[in-house]
Amino acid sequence: MLEESESTRDPGALHLADGTLDPSAPRTLEVLWRIRDAKLDGVAKSVLVALVLRSSPQAGWVCWPSVARLQHDAGFGRSAVYEALGRLRAAGLVSWESRKAEQKPNLYTVHVDRLRSA
């Protein structure tokens, strides 16, 4: 898993700082295609894309964006993001660990292996 001091990757950054293709890029693109084909509403798809782009296969599809960051990345308001997260959790596509006691954003895991049946 990534160290807490490391930032989750820049959304949409499929290239490394030296300009070479990130080795996880093909896997990420495959997941994005699966999200496109999933039977989810638009808000849920946008939030799921935001989570995928902030995580990576090497980190086990884990990320820790704030809700404000998810709002920005997905392009929807706070309540829409919370509702979409609830639907994604109910579908078994996303789980999270609350870190409120530590005053840190939730630790989200995207269950990409379950996308085919979503």
N, C-alpha and C. Protein backbone atom coordinates (compact mmCIF):
# COMPACT_ATOMS: atom_id res chain seq x y z
N MET A 1 0.84 -1.17 0.00
CA MET A 1 0.00 0.00 0.00
C MET A 1 0.89 1.24 0.00
N LEU A 2 0.38 2.34 -0.54
CA LEU A 2 1.13 3.58 -0.57
C LEU A 2 1.31 4.13 0.83
N GLU A 3 2.40 4.78 1.04
CA GLU A 3 2.63 5.45 2.31
C GLU A 3 1.70 6.65 2.40
N GLU A 4 1.28 6.98 3.60
CA GLU A 4 0.37 8.10 3.79
C GLU A 4 0.98 9.41 3.28
N SER A 5 2.29 9.54 3.35
CA SER A 5 2.93 10.77 2.90
C SER A 5 2.91 10.91 1.39
N GLU A 6 2.72 9.79 0.67
CA GLU A 6 2.65 9.86 -0.78
C GLU A 6 1.27 10.31 -1.19
N SER A 7 1.21 11.13 -2.21
CA SER A 7 -0.07 11.58 -2.71
C SER A 7 -0.65 10.52 -3.63
N THR A 8 -1.97 10.42 -3.66
CA THR A 8 -2.56 9.56 -4.67
C THR A 8 -2.27 10.20 -6.01
N ARG A 9 -2.25 9.40 -7.03
CA ARG A 9 -1.79 9.92 -8.31
C ARG A 9 -2.76 10.94 -8.89
N ASP A 10 -2.20 11.77 -9.74
CA ASP A 10 -2.96 12.81 -10.40
C ASP A 10 -3.99 12.17 -11.32
N PRO A 11 -5.26 12.58 -11.21
CA PRO A 11 -6.25 11.95 -12.06
C PRO A 11 -5.95 12.17 -13.53
N GLY A 12 -6.04 11.11 -14.28
CA GLY A 12 -5.78 11.19 -15.71
C GLY A 12 -4.32 11.13 -16.07
N ALA A 13 -3.43 11.08 -15.07
CA ALA A 13 -2.00 11.04 -15.37
C ALA A 13 -1.60 9.62 -15.72
N LEU A 14 -1.60 9.31 -16.99
CA LEU A 14 -1.23 7.97 -17.43
C LEU A 14 0.24 7.89 -17.83
N HIS A 15 0.95 9.00 -17.63
CA HIS A 15 2.38 9.04 -17.91
C HIS A 15 3.14 9.39 -16.64
N LEU A 16 4.35 8.89 -16.54
CA LEU A 16 5.21 9.21 -15.41
C LEU A 16 5.85 10.57 -15.63
N ALA A 17 6.52 11.09 -14.62
CA ALA A 17 7.15 12.40 -14.70
C ALA A 17 8.17 12.48 -15.84
N ASP A 18 8.81 11.35 -16.17
CA ASP A 18 9.80 11.37 -17.25
C ASP A 18 9.16 11.23 -18.64
N GLY A 19 7.82 11.20 -18.70
CA GLY A 19 7.12 11.14 -19.97
C GLY A 19 6.81 9.74 -20.47
N THR A 20 7.32 8.71 -19.79
CA THR A 20 7.03 7.34 -20.21
C THR A 20 5.65 6.93 -19.71
N LEU A 21 5.07 5.97 -20.38
CA LEU A 21 3.74 5.48 -20.00
C LEU A 21 3.81 4.77 -18.66
N ASP A 22 2.91 5.14 -17.77
CA ASP A 22 2.80 4.48 -16.47
C ASP A 22 2.46 3.01 -16.74
N PRO A 23 3.20 2.08 -16.15
CA PRO A 23 2.91 0.65 -16.38
C PRO A 23 1.49 0.24 -16.01
N SER A 24 0.84 0.98 -15.13
CA SER A 24 -0.53 0.64 -14.75
C SER A 24 -1.57 1.24 -15.70
N ALA A 25 -1.14 2.05 -16.66
CA ALA A 25 -2.09 2.72 -17.55
C ALA A 25 -3.01 1.76 -18.30
N PRO A 26 -2.50 0.70 -18.92
CA PRO A 26 -3.42 -0.21 -19.61
C PRO A 26 -4.47 -0.82 -18.69
N ARG A 27 -4.09 -1.17 -17.48
CA ARG A 27 -5.03 -1.74 -16.52
C ARG A 27 -6.08 -0.70 -16.13
N THR A 28 -5.64 0.53 -15.91
CA THR A 28 -6.57 1.61 -15.56
C THR A 28 -7.55 1.85 -16.70
N LEU A 29 -7.07 1.87 -17.93
CA LEU A 29 -7.95 2.08 -19.07
C LEU A 29 -8.97 0.95 -19.21
N GLU A 30 -8.54 -0.27 -18.94
CA GLU A 30 -9.46 -1.41 -18.97
C GLU A 30 -10.58 -1.22 -17.95
N VAL A 31 -10.23 -0.78 -16.76
CA VAL A 31 -11.22 -0.55 -15.71
C VAL A 31 -12.17 0.58 -16.13
N LEU A 32 -11.65 1.63 -16.74
CA LEU A 32 -12.50 2.73 -17.18
C LEU A 32 -13.50 2.27 -18.24
N TRP A 33 -13.09 1.37 -19.13
CA TRP A 33 -14.01 0.81 -20.12
C TRP A 33 -15.10 0.00 -19.43
N ARG A 34 -14.73 -0.74 -18.40
CA ARG A 34 -15.73 -1.52 -17.67
C ARG A 34 -16.74 -0.61 -16.97
N ILE A 35 -16.26 0.51 -16.44
CA ILE A 35 -17.16 1.46 -15.79
C ILE A 35 -18.13 2.03 -16.82
N ARG A 36 -17.62 2.34 -18.00
CA ARG A 36 -18.48 2.87 -19.06
C ARG A 36 -19.64 1.92 -19.34
N ASP A 37 -19.36 0.62 -19.34
CA ASP A 37 -20.37 -0.38 -19.67
C ASP A 37 -21.21 -0.84 -18.48
N ALA A 38 -20.87 -0.41 -17.28
CA ALA A 38 -21.58 -0.84 -16.08
C ALA A 38 -22.98 -0.24 -16.03
N LYS A 39 -23.88 -0.95 -15.43
CA LYS A 39 -25.26 -0.48 -15.28
C LYS A 39 -25.36 0.38 -14.02
N LEU A 40 -24.79 1.58 -14.13
CA LEU A 40 -24.80 2.56 -13.04
C LEU A 40 -25.30 3.88 -13.60
N ASP A 41 -25.85 4.71 -12.73
CA ASP A 41 -26.27 6.05 -13.16
C ASP A 41 -25.03 6.92 -13.38
N GLY A 42 -25.23 8.05 -14.03
CA GLY A 42 -24.12 8.94 -14.39
C GLY A 42 -23.31 9.47 -13.22
N VAL A 43 -23.99 9.81 -12.13
CA VAL A 43 -23.27 10.34 -10.96
C VAL A 43 -22.38 9.25 -10.37
N ALA A 44 -22.94 8.05 -10.21
CA ALA A 44 -22.16 6.94 -9.65
C ALA A 44 -20.97 6.62 -10.54
N LYS A 45 -21.16 6.63 -11.86
CA LYS A 45 -20.04 6.38 -12.77
C LYS A 45 -18.97 7.44 -12.61
N SER A 46 -19.38 8.71 -12.51
CA SER A 46 -18.41 9.81 -12.37
C SER A 46 -17.61 9.69 -11.07
N VAL A 47 -18.29 9.36 -9.99
CA VAL A 47 -17.59 9.20 -8.70
C VAL A 47 -16.65 7.99 -8.77
N LEU A 48 -17.10 6.90 -9.38
CA LEU A 48 -16.26 5.72 -9.51
C LEU A 48 -15.03 6.00 -10.37
N VAL A 49 -15.20 6.73 -11.46
CA VAL A 49 -14.05 7.13 -12.30
C VAL A 49 -13.08 7.97 -11.48
N ALA A 50 -13.61 8.92 -10.70
CA ALA A 50 -12.74 9.77 -9.86
C ALA A 50 -11.92 8.92 -8.90
N LEU A 51 -12.54 7.91 -8.29
CA LEU A 51 -11.82 7.04 -7.36
C LEU A 51 -10.77 6.20 -8.09
N VAL A 52 -11.12 5.66 -9.24
CA VAL A 52 -10.17 4.84 -10.01
C VAL A 52 -8.96 5.68 -10.43
N LEU A 53 -9.21 6.89 -10.89
CA LEU A 53 -8.10 7.73 -11.36
C LEU A 53 -7.22 8.22 -10.23
N ARG A 54 -7.70 8.15 -9.00
CA ARG A 54 -6.87 8.53 -7.85
C ARG A 54 -6.22 7.32 -7.18
N SER A 55 -6.46 6.15 -7.71
CA SER A 55 -5.86 4.92 -7.16
C SER A 55 -5.04 4.25 -8.25
N SER A 56 -4.48 3.10 -7.94
CA SER A 56 -3.70 2.37 -8.94
C SER A 56 -3.73 0.88 -8.62
N PRO A 57 -3.49 0.06 -9.65
CA PRO A 57 -3.47 -1.39 -9.40
C PRO A 57 -2.38 -1.78 -8.40
N GLN A 58 -1.23 -1.11 -8.46
CA GLN A 58 -0.13 -1.44 -7.56
C GLN A 58 -0.49 -1.19 -6.11
N ALA A 59 -1.38 -0.25 -5.87
CA ALA A 59 -1.78 0.07 -4.50
C ALA A 59 -3.05 -0.68 -4.11
N GLY A 60 -3.50 -1.61 -4.94
CA GLY A 60 -4.70 -2.37 -4.62
C GLY A 60 -5.98 -1.57 -4.83
N TRP A 61 -5.92 -0.57 -5.74
CA TRP A 61 -7.06 0.29 -6.05
C TRP A 61 -7.56 1.01 -4.79
N VAL A 62 -6.62 1.47 -3.98
CA VAL A 62 -6.94 2.20 -2.74
C VAL A 62 -6.56 3.67 -2.94
N CYS A 63 -7.39 4.55 -2.41
CA CYS A 63 -7.09 5.98 -2.44
C CYS A 63 -7.78 6.66 -1.26
N TRP A 64 -7.46 7.92 -1.04
CA TRP A 64 -8.01 8.62 0.12
C TRP A 64 -8.35 10.08 -0.19
N PRO A 65 -9.12 10.32 -1.27
CA PRO A 65 -9.52 11.71 -1.54
C PRO A 65 -10.57 12.20 -0.55
N SER A 66 -10.57 13.48 -0.30
CA SER A 66 -11.62 14.07 0.53
C SER A 66 -12.91 14.11 -0.29
N VAL A 67 -14.02 14.31 0.37
CA VAL A 67 -15.29 14.43 -0.35
C VAL A 67 -15.24 15.67 -1.24
N ALA A 68 -14.61 16.74 -0.77
CA ALA A 68 -14.47 17.94 -1.61
C ALA A 68 -13.69 17.62 -2.89
N ARG A 69 -12.66 16.80 -2.78
CA ARG A 69 -11.88 16.41 -3.96
C ARG A 69 -12.75 15.58 -4.90
N LEU A 70 -13.54 14.65 -4.34
CA LEU A 70 -14.44 13.84 -5.17
C LEU A 70 -15.48 14.72 -5.86
N GLN A 71 -15.99 15.71 -5.14
CA GLN A 71 -16.93 16.65 -5.73
C GLN A 71 -16.30 17.32 -6.95
N HIS A 72 -15.09 17.81 -6.77
CA HIS A 72 -14.38 18.49 -7.85
C HIS A 72 -14.10 17.56 -9.02
N ASP A 73 -13.57 16.38 -8.73
CA ASP A 73 -13.20 15.44 -9.78
C ASP A 73 -14.42 14.91 -10.53
N ALA A 74 -15.52 14.65 -9.81
CA ALA A 74 -16.71 14.07 -10.44
C ALA A 74 -17.64 15.14 -11.03
N GLY A 75 -17.52 16.35 -10.51
CA GLY A 75 -18.34 17.44 -11.03
C GLY A 75 -19.75 17.49 -10.47
N PHE A 76 -19.93 16.98 -9.25
CA PHE A 76 -21.24 16.98 -8.61
C PHE A 76 -21.12 17.51 -7.20
N GLY A 77 -22.26 17.90 -6.62
CA GLY A 77 -22.30 18.44 -5.28
C GLY A 77 -22.12 17.38 -4.20
N ARG A 78 -21.98 17.88 -2.99
CA ARG A 78 -21.71 17.03 -1.82
C ARG A 78 -22.75 15.92 -1.63
N SER A 79 -24.03 16.28 -1.63
CA SER A 79 -25.05 15.26 -1.39
C SER A 79 -25.11 14.25 -2.52
N ALA A 80 -24.90 14.68 -3.76
CA ALA A 80 -24.89 13.74 -4.90
C ALA A 80 -23.72 12.76 -4.77
N VAL A 81 -22.57 13.25 -4.33
CA VAL A 81 -21.40 12.38 -4.16
C VAL A 81 -21.66 11.37 -3.03
N TYR A 82 -22.20 11.83 -1.91
CA TYR A 82 -22.50 10.91 -0.81
C TYR A 82 -23.52 9.85 -1.23
N GLU A 83 -24.55 10.26 -1.94
CA GLU A 83 -25.56 9.31 -2.40
C GLU A 83 -24.96 8.30 -3.37
N ALA A 84 -24.11 8.77 -4.29
CA ALA A 84 -23.46 7.87 -5.24
C ALA A 84 -22.54 6.89 -4.53
N LEU A 85 -21.80 7.36 -3.53
CA LEU A 85 -20.95 6.45 -2.75
C LEU A 85 -21.79 5.36 -2.09
N GLY A 86 -22.97 5.75 -1.58
CA GLY A 86 -23.86 4.77 -0.97
C GLY A 86 -24.32 3.72 -1.98
N ARG A 87 -24.65 4.16 -3.18
CA ARG A 87 -25.07 3.22 -4.23
C ARG A 87 -23.91 2.32 -4.65
N LEU A 88 -22.71 2.89 -4.75
CA LEU A 88 -21.54 2.10 -5.13
C LEU A 88 -21.21 1.06 -4.05
N ARG A 89 -21.37 1.46 -2.79
CA ARG A 89 -21.14 0.49 -1.70
C ARG A 89 -22.20 -0.60 -1.72
N ALA A 90 -23.46 -0.23 -1.94
CA ALA A 90 -24.54 -1.22 -1.99
C ALA A 90 -24.34 -2.20 -3.14
N ALA A 91 -23.72 -1.74 -4.24
CA ALA A 91 -23.45 -2.60 -5.39
C ALA A 91 -22.19 -3.44 -5.18
N GLY A 92 -21.47 -3.19 -4.08
CA GLY A 92 -20.25 -3.94 -3.79
C GLY A 92 -19.04 -3.49 -4.58
N LEU A 93 -19.12 -2.28 -5.17
CA LEU A 93 -18.02 -1.79 -6.00
C LEU A 93 -17.01 -0.95 -5.22
N VAL A 94 -17.44 -0.39 -4.11
CA VAL A 94 -16.56 0.47 -3.30
C VAL A 94 -16.79 0.15 -1.83
N SER A 95 -15.72 0.13 -1.08
CA SER A 95 -15.82 0.05 0.37
C SER A 95 -14.87 1.10 0.93
N TRP A 96 -15.07 1.44 2.17
CA TRP A 96 -14.16 2.42 2.78
C TRP A 96 -14.04 2.21 4.26
N GLU A 97 -12.92 2.71 4.73
CA GLU A 97 -12.60 2.70 6.15
C GLU A 97 -12.63 4.14 6.62
N SER A 98 -13.46 4.43 7.59
CA SER A 98 -13.54 5.78 8.12
C SER A 98 -12.28 6.09 8.93
N ARG A 99 -11.73 7.27 8.71
CA ARG A 99 -10.57 7.71 9.48
C ARG A 99 -10.87 9.05 10.14
N LYS A 100 -12.16 9.26 10.45
CA LYS A 100 -12.61 10.51 11.04
C LYS A 100 -11.90 10.79 12.36
N ALA A 101 -11.69 9.76 13.17
CA ALA A 101 -11.02 9.94 14.46
C ALA A 101 -9.60 10.48 14.29
N GLU A 102 -8.98 10.14 13.15
CA GLU A 102 -7.62 10.63 12.87
C GLU A 102 -7.65 11.95 12.11
N GLN A 103 -8.84 12.47 11.86
CA GLN A 103 -9.03 13.69 11.08
C GLN A 103 -8.41 13.57 9.69
N LYS A 104 -8.64 12.41 9.06
CA LYS A 104 -8.14 12.16 7.71
C LYS A 104 -9.31 11.70 6.85
N PRO A 105 -9.20 11.88 5.53
CA PRO A 105 -10.28 11.38 4.66
C PRO A 105 -10.40 9.86 4.74
N ASN A 106 -11.58 9.38 4.35
CA ASN A 106 -11.80 7.93 4.30
C ASN A 106 -10.77 7.27 3.39
N LEU A 107 -10.51 6.01 3.67
CA LEU A 107 -9.63 5.19 2.84
C LEU A 107 -10.56 4.33 1.98
N TYR A 108 -10.62 4.65 0.68
CA TYR A 108 -11.54 3.98 -0.24
C TYR A 108 -10.83 2.84 -0.97
N THR A 109 -11.54 1.74 -1.16
CA THR A 109 -11.07 0.63 -1.99
C THR A 109 -12.09 0.41 -3.09
N VAL A 110 -11.61 0.41 -4.34
CA VAL A 110 -12.48 0.13 -5.48
C VAL A 110 -12.32 -1.35 -5.81
N HIS A 111 -13.42 -2.07 -5.83
CA HIS A 111 -13.40 -3.51 -6.10
C HIS A 111 -13.60 -3.73 -7.60
N VAL A 112 -12.52 -3.51 -8.36
CA VAL A 112 -12.61 -3.56 -9.82
C VAL A 112 -12.97 -4.96 -10.33
N ASP A 113 -12.67 -5.98 -9.57
CA ASP A 113 -12.99 -7.35 -9.97
C ASP A 113 -14.50 -7.58 -10.03
N ARG A 114 -15.28 -6.72 -9.39
CA ARG A 114 -16.73 -6.89 -9.36
C ARG A 114 -17.43 -6.06 -10.43
N LEU A 115 -16.68 -5.32 -11.22
CA LEU A 115 -17.29 -4.44 -12.21
C LEU A 115 -18.05 -5.18 -13.31
N ARG A 116 -17.65 -6.33 -13.68
CA ARG A 116 -18.32 -7.08 -14.76
C ARG A 116 -19.78 -7.35 -14.42
N SER A 117 -20.05 -7.61 -13.15
CA SER A 117 -21.41 -7.98 -12.75
C SER A 117 -22.23 -6.80 -12.25
N ALA A 118 -21.66 -5.60 -12.29
CA ALA A 118 -22.38 -4.43 -11.75
C ALA A 118 -23.52 -4.02 -12.68
